[in-house]
Amino acid sequence: MFAGAARQTVFSNPEVIDRIQKDYIPVALKAGDVARGGSGVEGKLYQELKRTMPQPQGIGTLNSAGRVLSWSLMFESQAQVIGLLDHVGERYRETPDHSKPVPAERFMRFPNQKLPTLEDPGTTFDIPHEHAAGEKCPGEPRRVKGALLTKVIGRALEDKGDPRSDARIQDNYIEDQFEITPTMLRALAAAQNAAKNKPFPLPDVLSRTIVSNAYLGILDVKPLEPVQSGAEEVMNDIHLWAEPSSENGLRVWGHSKVHGKRERNNNGKGPRWEHEIVLQWQGHLNPKAGAVALITEGQEQLHYDNSRTDTEEEAVAFLPAGRPLDFDGKVRYGMRAGF
């Protein structure tokens, strides 16, 4: 969903946090996982969410039997976020399970812009405490066999180099993961063998993957491999090198400068953004041991303009549009696997 906007304008509100901790069990799901569904009881829960969701994003609530009580994409004000939680609490007290039909309420903007309510399909299923033996959890990351799952943590820095204290928004902090696949590892081994113990450039497929995962902001502003329709890669200047080290691995160093942007749609709608990241890299790779340890620092500039919201009060009314971002500062990223 619109994670950055929702995290800052909805789920960072102390009153909302207190209410959710007291009365709800918070769960974050990827829209792609819900769309794909899955097997078993959890797959049926995904199917119920997919059946009722107004768009492939939003804030939904379910009762103890997996019945959808409500969906809302936006809110008419900050106060109406609590209003929705109050409303859902009342509905839960009326229909806590599947003993009677539970229509799924849906709102474009809570509480006055309501969408058609969907009737309960009448199907029932018991929710176990854990998956059956041999059953794959659809929420587990899909991994390529033999890949190195690498964790990324990124921080925006103060002028003196200390991490900024506010880690609740994605322009100050990110935590993610990516895979270094067997194809990349084979390309790395071939490049190392050809270099005959001399320094050599990392294969392009590997260096691009590493660099493309060092960025702040929302998913749509990824400077390399932009995912949003209409985005373009403006600049790609990546020079990562490696040489054999005394630890039987590879010492890595280099620099990167990437730049992506997106103009508005022809109708003048949709966000406009521009994103540039300049980084210096160092660290180690040890493919045989399955170990990665990289750190990079530099400068990042990100301007994201949805031309609709200027305050957090307005942002809850336009959550799918994201929130404005204007960042220009120092950053640090760390990547680690196999430790």
C-alpha atoms as a PDB file:
ATOM      1  CA  MET A   1       0.000   0.000   0.000  1.00  0.00           C
ATOM      2  CA  PHE A   2       0.968   3.678   0.174  1.00  0.00           C
ATOM      3  CA  ALA A   3       3.333   2.784   3.002  1.00  0.00           C
ATOM      4  CA  GLY A   4       5.275   6.013   3.380  1.00  0.00           C
ATOM      5  CA  ALA A   5       2.206   8.257   3.526  1.00  0.00           C
ATOM      6  CA  ALA A   6       0.291   5.897   5.808  1.00  0.00           C
ATOM      7  CA  ARG A   7       3.210   5.351   8.155  1.00  0.00           C
ATOM      8  CA  GLN A   8       3.801   9.062   8.679  1.00  0.00           C
ATOM      9  CA  THR A   9       0.250  10.426   8.631  1.00  0.00           C
ATOM     10  CA  VAL A  10      -1.745   7.502  10.069  1.00  0.00           C
ATOM     11  CA  PHE A  11       0.388   5.053  12.023  1.00  0.00           C
ATOM     12  CA  SER A  12       2.717   7.567  13.666  1.00  0.00           C
ATOM     13  CA  ASN A  13      -0.170   9.331  15.412  1.00  0.00           C
ATOM     14  CA  PRO A  14       0.275   8.534  19.162  1.00  0.00           C
ATOM     15  CA  GLU A  15      -3.480   8.256  19.686  1.00  0.00           C
ATOM     16  CA  VAL A  16      -3.773   5.826  16.770  1.00  0.00           C
ATOM     17  CA  ILE A  17      -0.798   3.792  18.011  1.00  0.00           C
ATOM     18  CA  ASP A  18      -2.311   3.551  21.489  1.00  0.00           C
ATOM     19  CA  ARG A  19      -5.694   2.423  20.155  1.00  0.00           C
ATOM     20  CA  ILE A  20      -4.227  -0.176  17.795  1.00  0.00           C
ATOM     21  CA  GLN A  21      -1.984  -1.636  20.493  1.00  0.00           C
ATOM     22  CA  LYS A  22      -4.936  -1.854  22.846  1.00  0.00           C
ATOM     23  CA  ASP A  23      -7.681  -3.206  20.586  1.00  0.00           C
ATOM     24  CA  TYR A  24      -6.132  -4.571  17.359  1.00  0.00           C
ATOM     25  CA  ILE A  25      -3.501  -6.946  15.988  1.00  0.00           C
ATOM     26  CA  PRO A  26      -1.624  -4.968  13.291  1.00  0.00           C
ATOM     27  CA  VAL A  27      -0.469  -6.837  10.182  1.00  0.00           C
ATOM     28  CA  ALA A  28       1.195  -5.400   7.075  1.00  0.00           C
ATOM     29  CA  LEU A  29       0.700  -7.260   3.788  1.00  0.00           C
ATOM     30  CA  LYS A  30       2.207  -6.721   0.361  1.00  0.00           C
ATOM     31  CA  ALA A  31      -0.406  -6.017  -2.294  1.00  0.00           C
ATOM     32  CA  GLY A  32       1.318  -8.450  -4.670  1.00  0.00           C
ATOM     33  CA  ASP A  33       1.041 -11.297  -2.157  1.00  0.00           C
ATOM     34  CA  VAL A  34      -2.679 -10.619  -1.688  1.00  0.00           C
ATOM     35  CA  ALA A  35      -3.172 -10.553  -5.471  1.00  0.00           C
ATOM     36  CA  ARG A  36      -1.390 -13.905  -5.902  1.00  0.00           C
ATOM     37  CA  GLY A  37      -3.310 -15.545  -3.077  1.00  0.00           C
ATOM     38  CA  GLY A  38      -2.034 -18.907  -1.925  1.00  0.00           C
ATOM     39  CA  SER A  39      -2.998 -22.276  -0.541  1.00  0.00           C
ATOM     40  CA  GLY A  40      -4.399 -23.255   2.818  1.00  0.00           C
ATOM     41  CA  VAL A  41      -6.309 -21.110   5.269  1.00  0.00           C
ATOM     42  CA  GLU A  42      -4.010 -18.112   4.880  1.00  0.00           C
ATOM     43  CA  GLY A  43      -4.540 -18.248   1.124  1.00  0.00           C
ATOM     44  CA  LYS A  44      -8.296 -18.114   1.735  1.00  0.00           C
ATOM     45  CA  LEU A  45      -7.785 -15.039   3.897  1.00  0.00           C
ATOM     46  CA  TYR A  46      -5.894 -13.429   1.041  1.00  0.00           C
ATOM     47  CA  GLN A  47      -8.725 -14.341  -1.324  1.00  0.00           C
ATOM     48  CA  GLU A  48     -11.271 -12.705   0.966  1.00  0.00           C
ATOM     49  CA  LEU A  49      -9.158  -9.556   1.122  1.00  0.00           C
ATOM     50  CA  LYS A  50      -8.782  -9.527  -2.654  1.00  0.00           C
ATOM     51  CA  ARG A  51     -12.542 -10.003  -3.120  1.00  0.00           C
ATOM     52  CA  THR A  52     -13.435  -7.037  -0.953  1.00  0.00           C
ATOM     53  CA  MET A  53     -10.619  -4.499  -1.374  1.00  0.00           C
ATOM     54  CA  PRO A  54     -11.620  -1.394  -3.395  1.00  0.00           C
ATOM     55  CA  GLN A  55      -8.114  -1.087  -4.857  1.00  0.00           C
ATOM     56  CA  PRO A  56      -4.872  -3.068  -4.424  1.00  0.00           C
ATOM     57  CA  GLN A  57      -4.049  -0.907  -1.413  1.00  0.00           C
ATOM     58  CA  GLY A  58      -5.793   0.486   1.633  1.00  0.00           C
ATOM     59  CA  ILE A  59      -6.420  -0.120   5.322  1.00  0.00           C
ATOM     60  CA  GLY A  60      -8.609  -3.133   6.082  1.00  0.00           C
ATOM     61  CA  THR A  61      -9.927  -4.696   9.289  1.00  0.00           C
ATOM     62  CA  LEU A  62     -11.086  -8.259   9.873  1.00  0.00           C
ATOM     63  CA  ASN A  63     -12.866 -10.085  12.684  1.00  0.00           C
ATOM     64  CA  SER A  64     -11.659 -13.278  14.392  1.00  0.00           C
ATOM     65  CA  ALA A  65     -13.133 -15.463  11.648  1.00  0.00           C
ATOM     66  CA  GLY A  66     -11.308 -13.677   8.840  1.00  0.00           C
ATOM     67  CA  ARG A  67     -14.372 -11.723   7.710  1.00  0.00           C
ATOM     68  CA  VAL A  68     -13.703  -8.208   6.418  1.00  0.00           C
ATOM     69  CA  LEU A  69     -15.368  -5.562   8.559  1.00  0.00           C
ATOM     70  CA  SER A  70     -14.191  -2.530   6.621  1.00  0.00           C
ATOM     71  CA  TRP A  71     -11.843  -1.085   4.041  1.00  0.00           C
ATOM     72  CA  SER A  72     -10.879   2.565   3.779  1.00  0.00           C
ATOM     73  CA  LEU A  73      -8.535   4.172   1.282  1.00  0.00           C
ATOM     74  CA  MET A  74      -8.518   7.653   2.819  1.00  0.00           C
ATOM     75  CA  PHE A  75      -9.957   9.770   5.634  1.00  0.00           C
ATOM     76  CA  GLU A  76     -11.695  13.117   5.644  1.00  0.00           C
ATOM     77  CA  SER A  77      -9.517  14.304   8.538  1.00  0.00           C
ATOM     78  CA  GLN A  78      -7.023  13.070  11.110  1.00  0.00           C
ATOM     79  CA  ALA A  79      -9.857  12.744  13.626  1.00  0.00           C
ATOM     80  CA  GLN A  80     -11.644  10.314  11.318  1.00  0.00           C
ATOM     81  CA  VAL A  81      -8.783   7.810  11.599  1.00  0.00           C
ATOM     82  CA  ILE A  82      -9.864   7.323  15.206  1.00  0.00           C
ATOM     83  CA  GLY A  83     -13.431   7.511  13.956  1.00  0.00           C
ATOM     84  CA  LEU A  84     -12.849   4.462  11.775  1.00  0.00           C
ATOM     85  CA  LEU A  85     -11.285   2.540  14.656  1.00  0.00           C
ATOM     86  CA  ASP A  86     -14.300   3.391  16.828  1.00  0.00           C
ATOM     87  CA  HIS A  87     -16.671   2.349  14.042  1.00  0.00           C
ATOM     88  CA  VAL A  88     -14.884  -0.949  13.430  1.00  0.00           C
ATOM     89  CA  GLY A  89     -14.875  -1.662  17.169  1.00  0.00           C
ATOM     90  CA  GLU A  90     -18.660  -1.342  17.216  1.00  0.00           C
ATOM     91  CA  ARG A  91     -18.992  -3.625  14.187  1.00  0.00           C
ATOM     92  CA  TYR A  92     -16.706  -6.204  15.791  1.00  0.00           C
ATOM     93  CA  ARG A  93     -18.821  -6.302  18.933  1.00  0.00           C
ATOM     94  CA  GLU A  94     -21.850  -7.001  16.717  1.00  0.00           C
ATOM     95  CA  THR A  95     -20.141  -9.588  14.482  1.00  0.00           C
ATOM     96  CA  PRO A  96     -17.006 -11.015  16.154  1.00  0.00           C
ATOM     97  CA  ASP A  97     -17.140 -14.311  14.217  1.00  0.00           C
ATOM     98  CA  HIS A  98     -19.103 -16.028  11.410  1.00  0.00           C
ATOM     99  CA  SER A  99     -22.168 -16.908  13.523  1.00  0.00           C
ATOM    100  CA  LYS A 100     -24.115 -14.419  11.392  1.00  0.00           C
ATOM    101  CA  PRO A 101     -23.417 -12.703   8.046  1.00  0.00           C
ATOM    102  CA  VAL A 102     -20.714 -10.023   8.032  1.00  0.00           C
ATOM    103  CA  PRO A 103     -21.107  -7.565   5.119  1.00  0.00           C
ATOM    104  CA  ALA A 104     -17.839  -5.897   4.115  1.00  0.00           C
ATOM    105  CA  GLU A 105     -18.106  -2.118   4.385  1.00  0.00           C
ATOM    106  CA  ARG A 106     -15.887  -0.108   2.048  1.00  0.00           C
ATOM    107  CA  PHE A 107     -15.008   3.579   1.973  1.00  0.00           C
ATOM    108  CA  MET A 108     -13.185   5.652  -0.560  1.00  0.00           C
ATOM    109  CA  ARG A 109     -12.831   8.317   2.129  1.00  0.00           C
ATOM    110  CA  PHE A 110     -14.141   7.624   5.630  1.00  0.00           C
ATOM    111  CA  PRO A 111     -16.843   8.327   6.742  1.00  0.00           C
ATOM    112  CA  ASN A 112     -18.909  10.046   4.040  1.00  0.00           C
ATOM    113  CA  GLN A 113     -17.575   8.718   0.725  1.00  0.00           C
ATOM    114  CA  LYS A 114     -18.856   5.179   0.943  1.00  0.00           C
ATOM    115  CA  LEU A 115     -18.498   2.480  -1.707  1.00  0.00           C
ATOM    116  CA  PRO A 116     -20.959  -0.395  -2.282  1.00  0.00           C
ATOM    117  CA  THR A 117     -21.031  -2.871   0.615  1.00  0.00           C
ATOM    118  CA  LEU A 118     -20.309  -6.488  -0.336  1.00  0.00           C
ATOM    119  CA  GLU A 119     -22.409  -9.268   1.148  1.00  0.00           C
ATOM    120  CA  ASP A 120     -20.887 -12.122   3.132  1.00  0.00           C
ATOM    121  CA  PRO A 121     -20.281 -15.085   0.736  1.00  0.00           C
ATOM    122  CA  GLY A 122     -21.260 -17.527   3.473  1.00  0.00           C
ATOM    123  CA  THR A 123     -18.159 -19.714   3.272  1.00  0.00           C
ATOM    124  CA  THR A 124     -16.517 -20.634   6.560  1.00  0.00           C
ATOM    125  CA  PHE A 125     -13.090 -21.906   7.543  1.00  0.00           C
ATOM    126  CA  ASP A 126     -11.300 -22.453  10.815  1.00  0.00           C
ATOM    127  CA  ILE A 127      -8.135 -20.452  11.443  1.00  0.00           C
ATOM    128  CA  PRO A 128      -5.440 -22.679  13.031  1.00  0.00           C
ATOM    129  CA  HIS A 129      -2.664 -21.420  15.278  1.00  0.00           C
ATOM    130  CA  GLU A 130       0.003 -22.487  12.759  1.00  0.00           C
ATOM    131  CA  HIS A 131       0.422 -23.836   9.243  1.00  0.00           C
ATOM    132  CA  ALA A 132      -0.042 -27.528   8.588  1.00  0.00           C
ATOM    133  CA  ALA A 133       3.072 -29.650   8.103  1.00  0.00           C
ATOM    134  CA  GLY A 134       4.524 -29.043   4.646  1.00  0.00           C
ATOM    135  CA  GLU A 135       2.292 -26.036   3.958  1.00  0.00           C
ATOM    136  CA  LYS A 136       4.133 -22.954   2.687  1.00  0.00           C
ATOM    137  CA  CYS A 137       3.221 -19.618   4.236  1.00  0.00           C
ATOM    138  CA  PRO A 138       2.194 -17.254   1.411  1.00  0.00           C
ATOM    139  CA  GLY A 139       3.658 -14.375   3.406  1.00  0.00           C
ATOM    140  CA  GLU A 140       7.185 -15.800   3.288  1.00  0.00           C
ATOM    141  CA  PRO A 141       9.550 -14.055   0.851  1.00  0.00           C
ATOM    142  CA  ARG A 142       9.931 -15.917  -2.428  1.00  0.00           C
ATOM    143  CA  ARG A 143      13.612 -16.782  -2.675  1.00  0.00           C
ATOM    144  CA  VAL A 144      15.700 -18.039  -5.561  1.00  0.00           C
ATOM    145  CA  LYS A 145      17.397 -21.292  -4.571  1.00  0.00           C
ATOM    146  CA  GLY A 146      21.055 -20.706  -3.739  1.00  0.00           C
ATOM    147  CA  ALA A 147      20.713 -16.913  -3.519  1.00  0.00           C
ATOM    148  CA  LEU A 148      22.332 -14.804  -0.792  1.00  0.00           C
ATOM    149  CA  LEU A 149      19.562 -12.980   1.041  1.00  0.00           C
ATOM    150  CA  THR A 150      21.106  -9.610   1.863  1.00  0.00           C
ATOM    151  CA  LYS A 151      19.684  -7.171   4.419  1.00  0.00           C
ATOM    152  CA  VAL A 152      19.866  -3.421   3.825  1.00  0.00           C
ATOM    153  CA  ILE A 153      19.602  -0.644   6.405  1.00  0.00           C
ATOM    154  CA  GLY A 154      19.792   2.985   5.311  1.00  0.00           C
ATOM    155  CA  ARG A 155      19.855   6.183   7.362  1.00  0.00           C
ATOM    156  CA  ALA A 156      19.756   9.880   6.645  1.00  0.00           C
ATOM    157  CA  LEU A 157      22.553  11.665   8.515  1.00  0.00           C
ATOM    158  CA  GLU A 158      22.886  14.948  10.334  1.00  0.00           C
ATOM    159  CA  ASP A 159      25.583  17.365   9.145  1.00  0.00           C
ATOM    160  CA  LYS A 160      28.013  15.952  11.725  1.00  0.00           C
ATOM    161  CA  GLY A 161      27.442  12.398  10.482  1.00  0.00           C
ATOM    162  CA  ASP A 162      25.111  11.078  13.180  1.00  0.00           C
ATOM    163  CA  PRO A 163      21.873   9.341  12.069  1.00  0.00           C
ATOM    164  CA  ARG A 164      18.802  11.560  12.163  1.00  0.00           C
ATOM    165  CA  SER A 165      16.639  10.761  15.144  1.00  0.00           C
ATOM    166  CA  ASP A 166      13.304  10.542  13.307  1.00  0.00           C
ATOM    167  CA  ALA A 167      13.205   7.042  11.804  1.00  0.00           C
ATOM    168  CA  ARG A 168       9.441   6.890  11.300  1.00  0.00           C
ATOM    169  CA  ILE A 169       9.507   8.232   7.745  1.00  0.00           C
ATOM    170  CA  GLN A 170      11.086   6.645   4.703  1.00  0.00           C
ATOM    171  CA  ASP A 171      13.149   9.683   3.768  1.00  0.00           C
ATOM    172  CA  ASN A 172      15.144   9.204   6.998  1.00  0.00           C
ATOM    173  CA  TYR A 173      15.272   5.402   7.353  1.00  0.00           C
ATOM    174  CA  ILE A 174      14.829   2.234   5.289  1.00  0.00           C
ATOM    175  CA  GLU A 175      15.108  -1.451   6.114  1.00  0.00           C
ATOM    176  CA  ASP A 176      14.840  -3.944   3.270  1.00  0.00           C
ATOM    177  CA  GLN A 177      16.377  -7.040   1.721  1.00  0.00           C
ATOM    178  CA  PHE A 178      17.394  -8.289  -1.709  1.00  0.00           C
ATOM    179  CA  GLU A 179      18.920 -11.381  -3.296  1.00  0.00           C
ATOM    180  CA  ILE A 180      22.309 -11.916  -4.876  1.00  0.00           C
ATOM    181  CA  THR A 181      21.283 -14.741  -7.203  1.00  0.00           C
ATOM    182  CA  PRO A 182      23.313 -17.754  -8.399  1.00  0.00           C
ATOM    183  CA  THR A 183      23.512 -16.117 -11.845  1.00  0.00           C
ATOM    184  CA  MET A 184      25.214 -13.075 -10.293  1.00  0.00           C
ATOM    185  CA  LEU A 185      27.555 -15.290  -8.258  1.00  0.00           C
ATOM    186  CA  ARG A 186      28.578 -17.253 -11.365  1.00  0.00           C
ATOM    187  CA  ALA A 187      29.291 -13.996 -13.207  1.00  0.00           C
ATOM    188  CA  LEU A 188      31.377 -12.816 -10.255  1.00  0.00           C
ATOM    189  CA  ALA A 189      33.384 -16.071 -10.196  1.00  0.00           C
ATOM    190  CA  ALA A 190      34.027 -15.843 -13.938  1.00  0.00           C
ATOM    191  CA  ALA A 191      35.214 -12.229 -13.635  1.00  0.00           C
ATOM    192  CA  GLN A 192      37.527 -13.131 -10.748  1.00  0.00           C
ATOM    193  CA  ASN A 193      39.046 -16.078 -12.624  1.00  0.00           C
ATOM    194  CA  ALA A 194      39.652 -13.942 -15.702  1.00  0.00           C
ATOM    195  CA  ALA A 195      41.385 -11.252 -13.587  1.00  0.00           C
ATOM    196  CA  LYS A 196      44.014 -13.720 -12.280  1.00  0.00           C
ATOM    197  CA  ASN A 197      44.392 -12.198  -8.793  1.00  0.00           C
ATOM    198  CA  LYS A 198      44.313  -8.608 -10.075  1.00  0.00           C
ATOM    199  CA  PRO A 199      41.604  -5.971  -9.368  1.00  0.00           C
ATOM    200  CA  PHE A 200      38.557  -6.318 -11.603  1.00  0.00           C
ATOM    201  CA  PRO A 201      35.181  -4.565 -12.046  1.00  0.00           C
ATOM    202  CA  LEU A 202      32.175  -6.299 -10.549  1.00  0.00           C
ATOM    203  CA  PRO A 203      29.838  -7.715 -13.212  1.00  0.00           C
ATOM    204  CA  ASP A 204      27.230  -5.192 -14.270  1.00  0.00           C
ATOM    205  CA  VAL A 205      24.310  -7.397 -13.198  1.00  0.00           C
ATOM    206  CA  LEU A 206      25.723  -7.578  -9.661  1.00  0.00           C
ATOM    207  CA  SER A 207      26.826  -3.962  -9.291  1.00  0.00           C
ATOM    208  CA  ARG A 208      23.469  -2.654 -10.543  1.00  0.00           C
ATOM    209  CA  THR A 209      21.621  -4.885  -8.082  1.00  0.00           C
ATOM    210  CA  ILE A 210      23.729  -3.666  -5.170  1.00  0.00           C
ATOM    211  CA  VAL A 211      23.452   0.024  -6.084  1.00  0.00           C
ATOM    212  CA  SER A 212      19.737  -0.161  -6.917  1.00  0.00           C
ATOM    213  CA  ASN A 213      18.937  -1.169  -3.333  1.00  0.00           C
ATOM    214  CA  ALA A 214      20.586   1.858  -1.703  1.00  0.00           C
ATOM    215  CA  TYR A 215      17.934   4.584  -1.721  1.00  0.00           C
ATOM    216  CA  LEU A 216      15.554   6.402   0.601  1.00  0.00           C
ATOM    217  CA  GLY A 217      11.953   7.360  -0.087  1.00  0.00           C
ATOM    218  CA  ILE A 218       9.118   5.284  -1.490  1.00  0.00           C
ATOM    219  CA  LEU A 219       9.307   2.349  -3.895  1.00  0.00           C
ATOM    220  CA  ASP A 220       8.289   4.403  -6.926  1.00  0.00           C
ATOM    221  CA  VAL A 221      11.381   6.639  -6.764  1.00  0.00           C
ATOM    222  CA  LYS A 222      13.930   3.858  -7.284  1.00  0.00           C
ATOM    223  CA  PRO A 223      16.478   5.576  -9.570  1.00  0.00           C
ATOM    224  CA  LEU A 224      17.588   2.316 -11.188  1.00  0.00           C
ATOM    225  CA  GLU A 225      14.909   0.002 -12.568  1.00  0.00           C
ATOM    226  CA  PRO A 226      12.093   2.507 -11.892  1.00  0.00           C
ATOM    227  CA  VAL A 227       8.818   0.686 -11.314  1.00  0.00           C
ATOM    228  CA  GLN A 228       6.361   3.513 -11.852  1.00  0.00           C
ATOM    229  CA  SER A 229       4.883   3.983 -15.317  1.00  0.00           C
ATOM    230  CA  GLY A 230       6.474   6.930 -17.103  1.00  0.00           C
ATOM    231  CA  ALA A 231       9.682   6.929 -15.023  1.00  0.00           C
ATOM    232  CA  GLU A 232      13.089   6.980 -16.698  1.00  0.00           C
ATOM    233  CA  GLU A 233      16.671   6.246 -15.769  1.00  0.00           C
ATOM    234  CA  VAL A 234      18.558   9.465 -16.487  1.00  0.00           C
ATOM    235  CA  MET A 235      22.054   8.535 -15.339  1.00  0.00           C
ATOM    236  CA  ASN A 236      23.916   5.351 -14.516  1.00  0.00           C
ATOM    237  CA  ASP A 237      27.563   5.850 -13.553  1.00  0.00           C
ATOM    238  CA  ILE A 238      28.563   2.791 -11.500  1.00  0.00           C
ATOM    239  CA  HIS A 239      32.140   1.690 -10.867  1.00  0.00           C
ATOM    240  CA  LEU A 240      32.467  -1.070  -8.268  1.00  0.00           C
ATOM    241  CA  TRP A 241      35.737  -3.011  -8.121  1.00  0.00           C
ATOM    242  CA  ALA A 242      36.993  -6.083  -6.279  1.00  0.00           C
ATOM    243  CA  GLU A 243      40.271  -7.813  -5.550  1.00  0.00           C
ATOM    244  CA  PRO A 244      41.224 -10.936  -3.556  1.00  0.00           C
ATOM    245  CA  SER A 245      41.734 -10.241   0.142  1.00  0.00           C
ATOM    246  CA  SER A 246      43.594 -12.038   2.925  1.00  0.00           C
ATOM    247  CA  GLU A 247      40.259 -13.326   4.286  1.00  0.00           C
ATOM    248  CA  ASN A 248      39.853 -15.610   1.232  1.00  0.00           C
ATOM    249  CA  GLY A 249      37.138 -13.322  -0.046  1.00  0.00           C
ATOM    250  CA  LEU A 250      37.046 -10.124  -2.065  1.00  0.00           C
ATOM    251  CA  ARG A 251      37.646  -6.558  -0.979  1.00  0.00           C
ATOM    252  CA  VAL A 252      35.159  -4.246  -2.684  1.00  0.00           C
ATOM    253  CA  TRP A 253      35.400  -0.506  -3.305  1.00  0.00           C
ATOM    254  CA  GLY A 254      34.161   2.087  -5.770  1.00  0.00           C
ATOM    255  CA  HIS A 255      31.606   4.799  -6.399  1.00  0.00           C
ATOM    256  CA  SER A 256      28.196   5.217  -7.975  1.00  0.00           C
ATOM    257  CA  LYS A 257      26.031   8.062  -9.228  1.00  0.00           C
ATOM    258  CA  VAL A 258      22.481   7.314 -10.337  1.00  0.00           C
ATOM    259  CA  HIS A 259      19.642   9.615 -11.320  1.00  0.00           C
ATOM    260  CA  GLY A 260      16.007   8.849 -12.114  1.00  0.00           C
ATOM    261  CA  LYS A 261      12.950  11.004 -12.675  1.00  0.00           C
ATOM    262  CA  ARG A 262       9.312  11.024 -13.688  1.00  0.00           C
ATOM    263  CA  GLU A 263       7.349  13.880 -15.203  1.00  0.00           C
ATOM    264  CA  ARG A 264       3.613  14.296 -14.817  1.00  0.00           C
ATOM    265  CA  ASN A 265       1.159  12.401 -16.986  1.00  0.00           C
ATOM    266  CA  ASN A 266      -0.126  14.071 -20.140  1.00  0.00           C
ATOM    267  CA  ASN A 267      -3.296  15.083 -18.291  1.00  0.00           C
ATOM    268  CA  GLY A 268      -1.210  16.917 -15.693  1.00  0.00           C
ATOM    269  CA  LYS A 269      -2.068  14.450 -12.940  1.00  0.00           C
ATOM    270  CA  GLY A 270       0.061  12.068 -10.966  1.00  0.00           C
ATOM    271  CA  PRO A 271       3.245  12.715  -9.010  1.00  0.00           C
ATOM    272  CA  ARG A 272       6.415  14.228 -10.374  1.00  0.00           C
ATOM    273  CA  TRP A 273       9.717  13.161  -8.862  1.00  0.00           C
ATOM    274  CA  GLU A 274      13.458  13.443  -9.340  1.00  0.00           C
ATOM    275  CA  HIS A 275      16.046  11.420  -7.440  1.00  0.00           C
ATOM    276  CA  GLU A 276      19.860  11.469  -7.475  1.00  0.00           C
ATOM    277  CA  ILE A 277      22.238   9.466  -5.259  1.00  0.00           C
ATOM    278  CA  VAL A 278      26.049   9.765  -5.159  1.00  0.00           C
ATOM    279  CA  LEU A 279      27.839   7.138  -3.020  1.00  0.00           C
ATOM    280  CA  GLN A 280      31.303   5.845  -2.125  1.00  0.00           C
ATOM    281  CA  TRP A 281      31.467   2.080  -1.477  1.00  0.00           C
ATOM    282  CA  GLN A 282      33.686  -0.267   0.527  1.00  0.00           C
ATOM    283  CA  GLY A 283      33.412  -3.722   2.055  1.00  0.00           C
ATOM    284  CA  HIS A 284      33.851  -7.436   1.431  1.00  0.00           C
ATOM    285  CA  LEU A 285      32.217 -10.288  -0.475  1.00  0.00           C
ATOM    286  CA  ASN A 286      32.877 -13.961   0.235  1.00  0.00           C
ATOM    287  CA  PRO A 287      30.652 -15.974  -2.099  1.00  0.00           C
ATOM    288  CA  LYS A 288      31.944 -19.364  -0.894  1.00  0.00           C
ATOM    289  CA  ALA A 289      31.082 -18.490   2.707  1.00  0.00           C
ATOM    290  CA  GLY A 290      27.822 -16.801   1.669  1.00  0.00           C
ATOM    291  CA  ALA A 291      28.918 -13.557   3.292  1.00  0.00           C
ATOM    292  CA  VAL A 292      28.321  -9.928   2.306  1.00  0.00           C
ATOM    293  CA  ALA A 293      29.437  -6.846   4.257  1.00  0.00           C
ATOM    294  CA  LEU A 294      29.179  -3.515   2.429  1.00  0.00           C
ATOM    295  CA  ILE A 295      28.908   0.048   3.650  1.00  0.00           C
ATOM    296  CA  THR A 296      28.432   3.192   1.597  1.00  0.00           C
ATOM    297  CA  GLU A 297      28.068   6.889   2.336  1.00  0.00           C
ATOM    298  CA  GLY A 298      27.303   9.904   0.229  1.00  0.00           C
ATOM    299  CA  GLN A 299      24.742  12.486  -0.781  1.00  0.00           C
ATOM    300  CA  GLU A 300      21.124  11.976  -1.797  1.00  0.00           C
ATOM    301  CA  GLN A 301      18.604  14.381  -3.315  1.00  0.00           C
ATOM    302  CA  LEU A 302      14.929  13.483  -3.653  1.00  0.00           C
ATOM    303  CA  HIS A 303      12.034  15.701  -4.639  1.00  0.00           C
ATOM    304  CA  TYR A 304       8.597  14.050  -4.786  1.00  0.00           C
ATOM    305  CA  ASP A 305       5.646  16.321  -5.544  1.00  0.00           C
ATOM    306  CA  ASN A 306       2.081  15.056  -5.740  1.00  0.00           C
ATOM    307  CA  SER A 307       0.699  18.630  -5.904  1.00  0.00           C
ATOM    308  CA  ARG A 308      -2.194  17.716  -3.647  1.00  0.00           C
ATOM    309  CA  THR A 309      -1.067  17.842  -0.033  1.00  0.00           C
ATOM    310  CA  ASP A 310       1.002  20.299   1.965  1.00  0.00           C
ATOM    311  CA  THR A 311       0.091  19.243   5.518  1.00  0.00           C
ATOM    312  CA  GLU A 312      -0.405  15.939   7.326  1.00  0.00           C
ATOM    313  CA  GLU A 313      -4.039  16.906   7.895  1.00  0.00           C
ATOM    314  CA  GLU A 314      -4.563  17.048   4.133  1.00  0.00           C
ATOM    315  CA  ALA A 315      -2.402  13.973   3.498  1.00  0.00           C
ATOM    316  CA  VAL A 316      -4.872  11.541   5.109  1.00  0.00           C
ATOM    317  CA  ALA A 317      -7.416  12.659   2.509  1.00  0.00           C
ATOM    318  CA  PHE A 318      -5.101  11.713  -0.388  1.00  0.00           C
ATOM    319  CA  LEU A 319      -3.128   8.718   0.873  1.00  0.00           C
ATOM    320  CA  PRO A 320      -2.835   6.880  -2.487  1.00  0.00           C
ATOM    321  CA  ALA A 321      -1.085   9.944  -3.913  1.00  0.00           C
ATOM    322  CA  GLY A 322       1.696   9.618  -1.356  1.00  0.00           C
ATOM    323  CA  ARG A 323       3.093  12.568   0.524  1.00  0.00           C
ATOM    324  CA  PRO A 324       5.424  15.340  -0.618  1.00  0.00           C
ATOM    325  CA  LEU A 325       9.146  14.675  -0.132  1.00  0.00           C
ATOM    326  CA  ASP A 326      11.987  17.165  -0.392  1.00  0.00           C
ATOM    327  CA  PHE A 327      15.246  15.677   0.862  1.00  0.00           C
ATOM    328  CA  ASP A 328      18.823  16.816   0.294  1.00  0.00           C
ATOM    329  CA  GLY A 329      21.411  15.446   2.681  1.00  0.00           C
ATOM    330  CA  LYS A 330      24.013  12.922   3.711  1.00  0.00           C
ATOM    331  CA  VAL A 331      23.145   9.215   3.811  1.00  0.00           C
ATOM    332  CA  ARG A 332      24.679   5.927   4.894  1.00  0.00           C
ATOM    333  CA  TYR A 333      23.707   2.372   3.868  1.00  0.00           C
ATOM    334  CA  GLY A 334      24.844  -0.980   5.196  1.00  0.00           C
ATOM    335  CA  MET A 335      24.351  -4.364   3.475  1.00  0.00           C
ATOM    336  CA  ARG A 336      24.942  -7.656   5.243  1.00  0.00           C
ATOM    337  CA  ALA A 337      24.436 -11.388   4.692  1.00  0.00           C
ATOM    338  CA  GLY A 338      25.814 -14.598   6.161  1.00  0.00           C
ATOM    339  CA  PHE A 339      26.796 -13.284   9.595  1.00  0.00           C
END
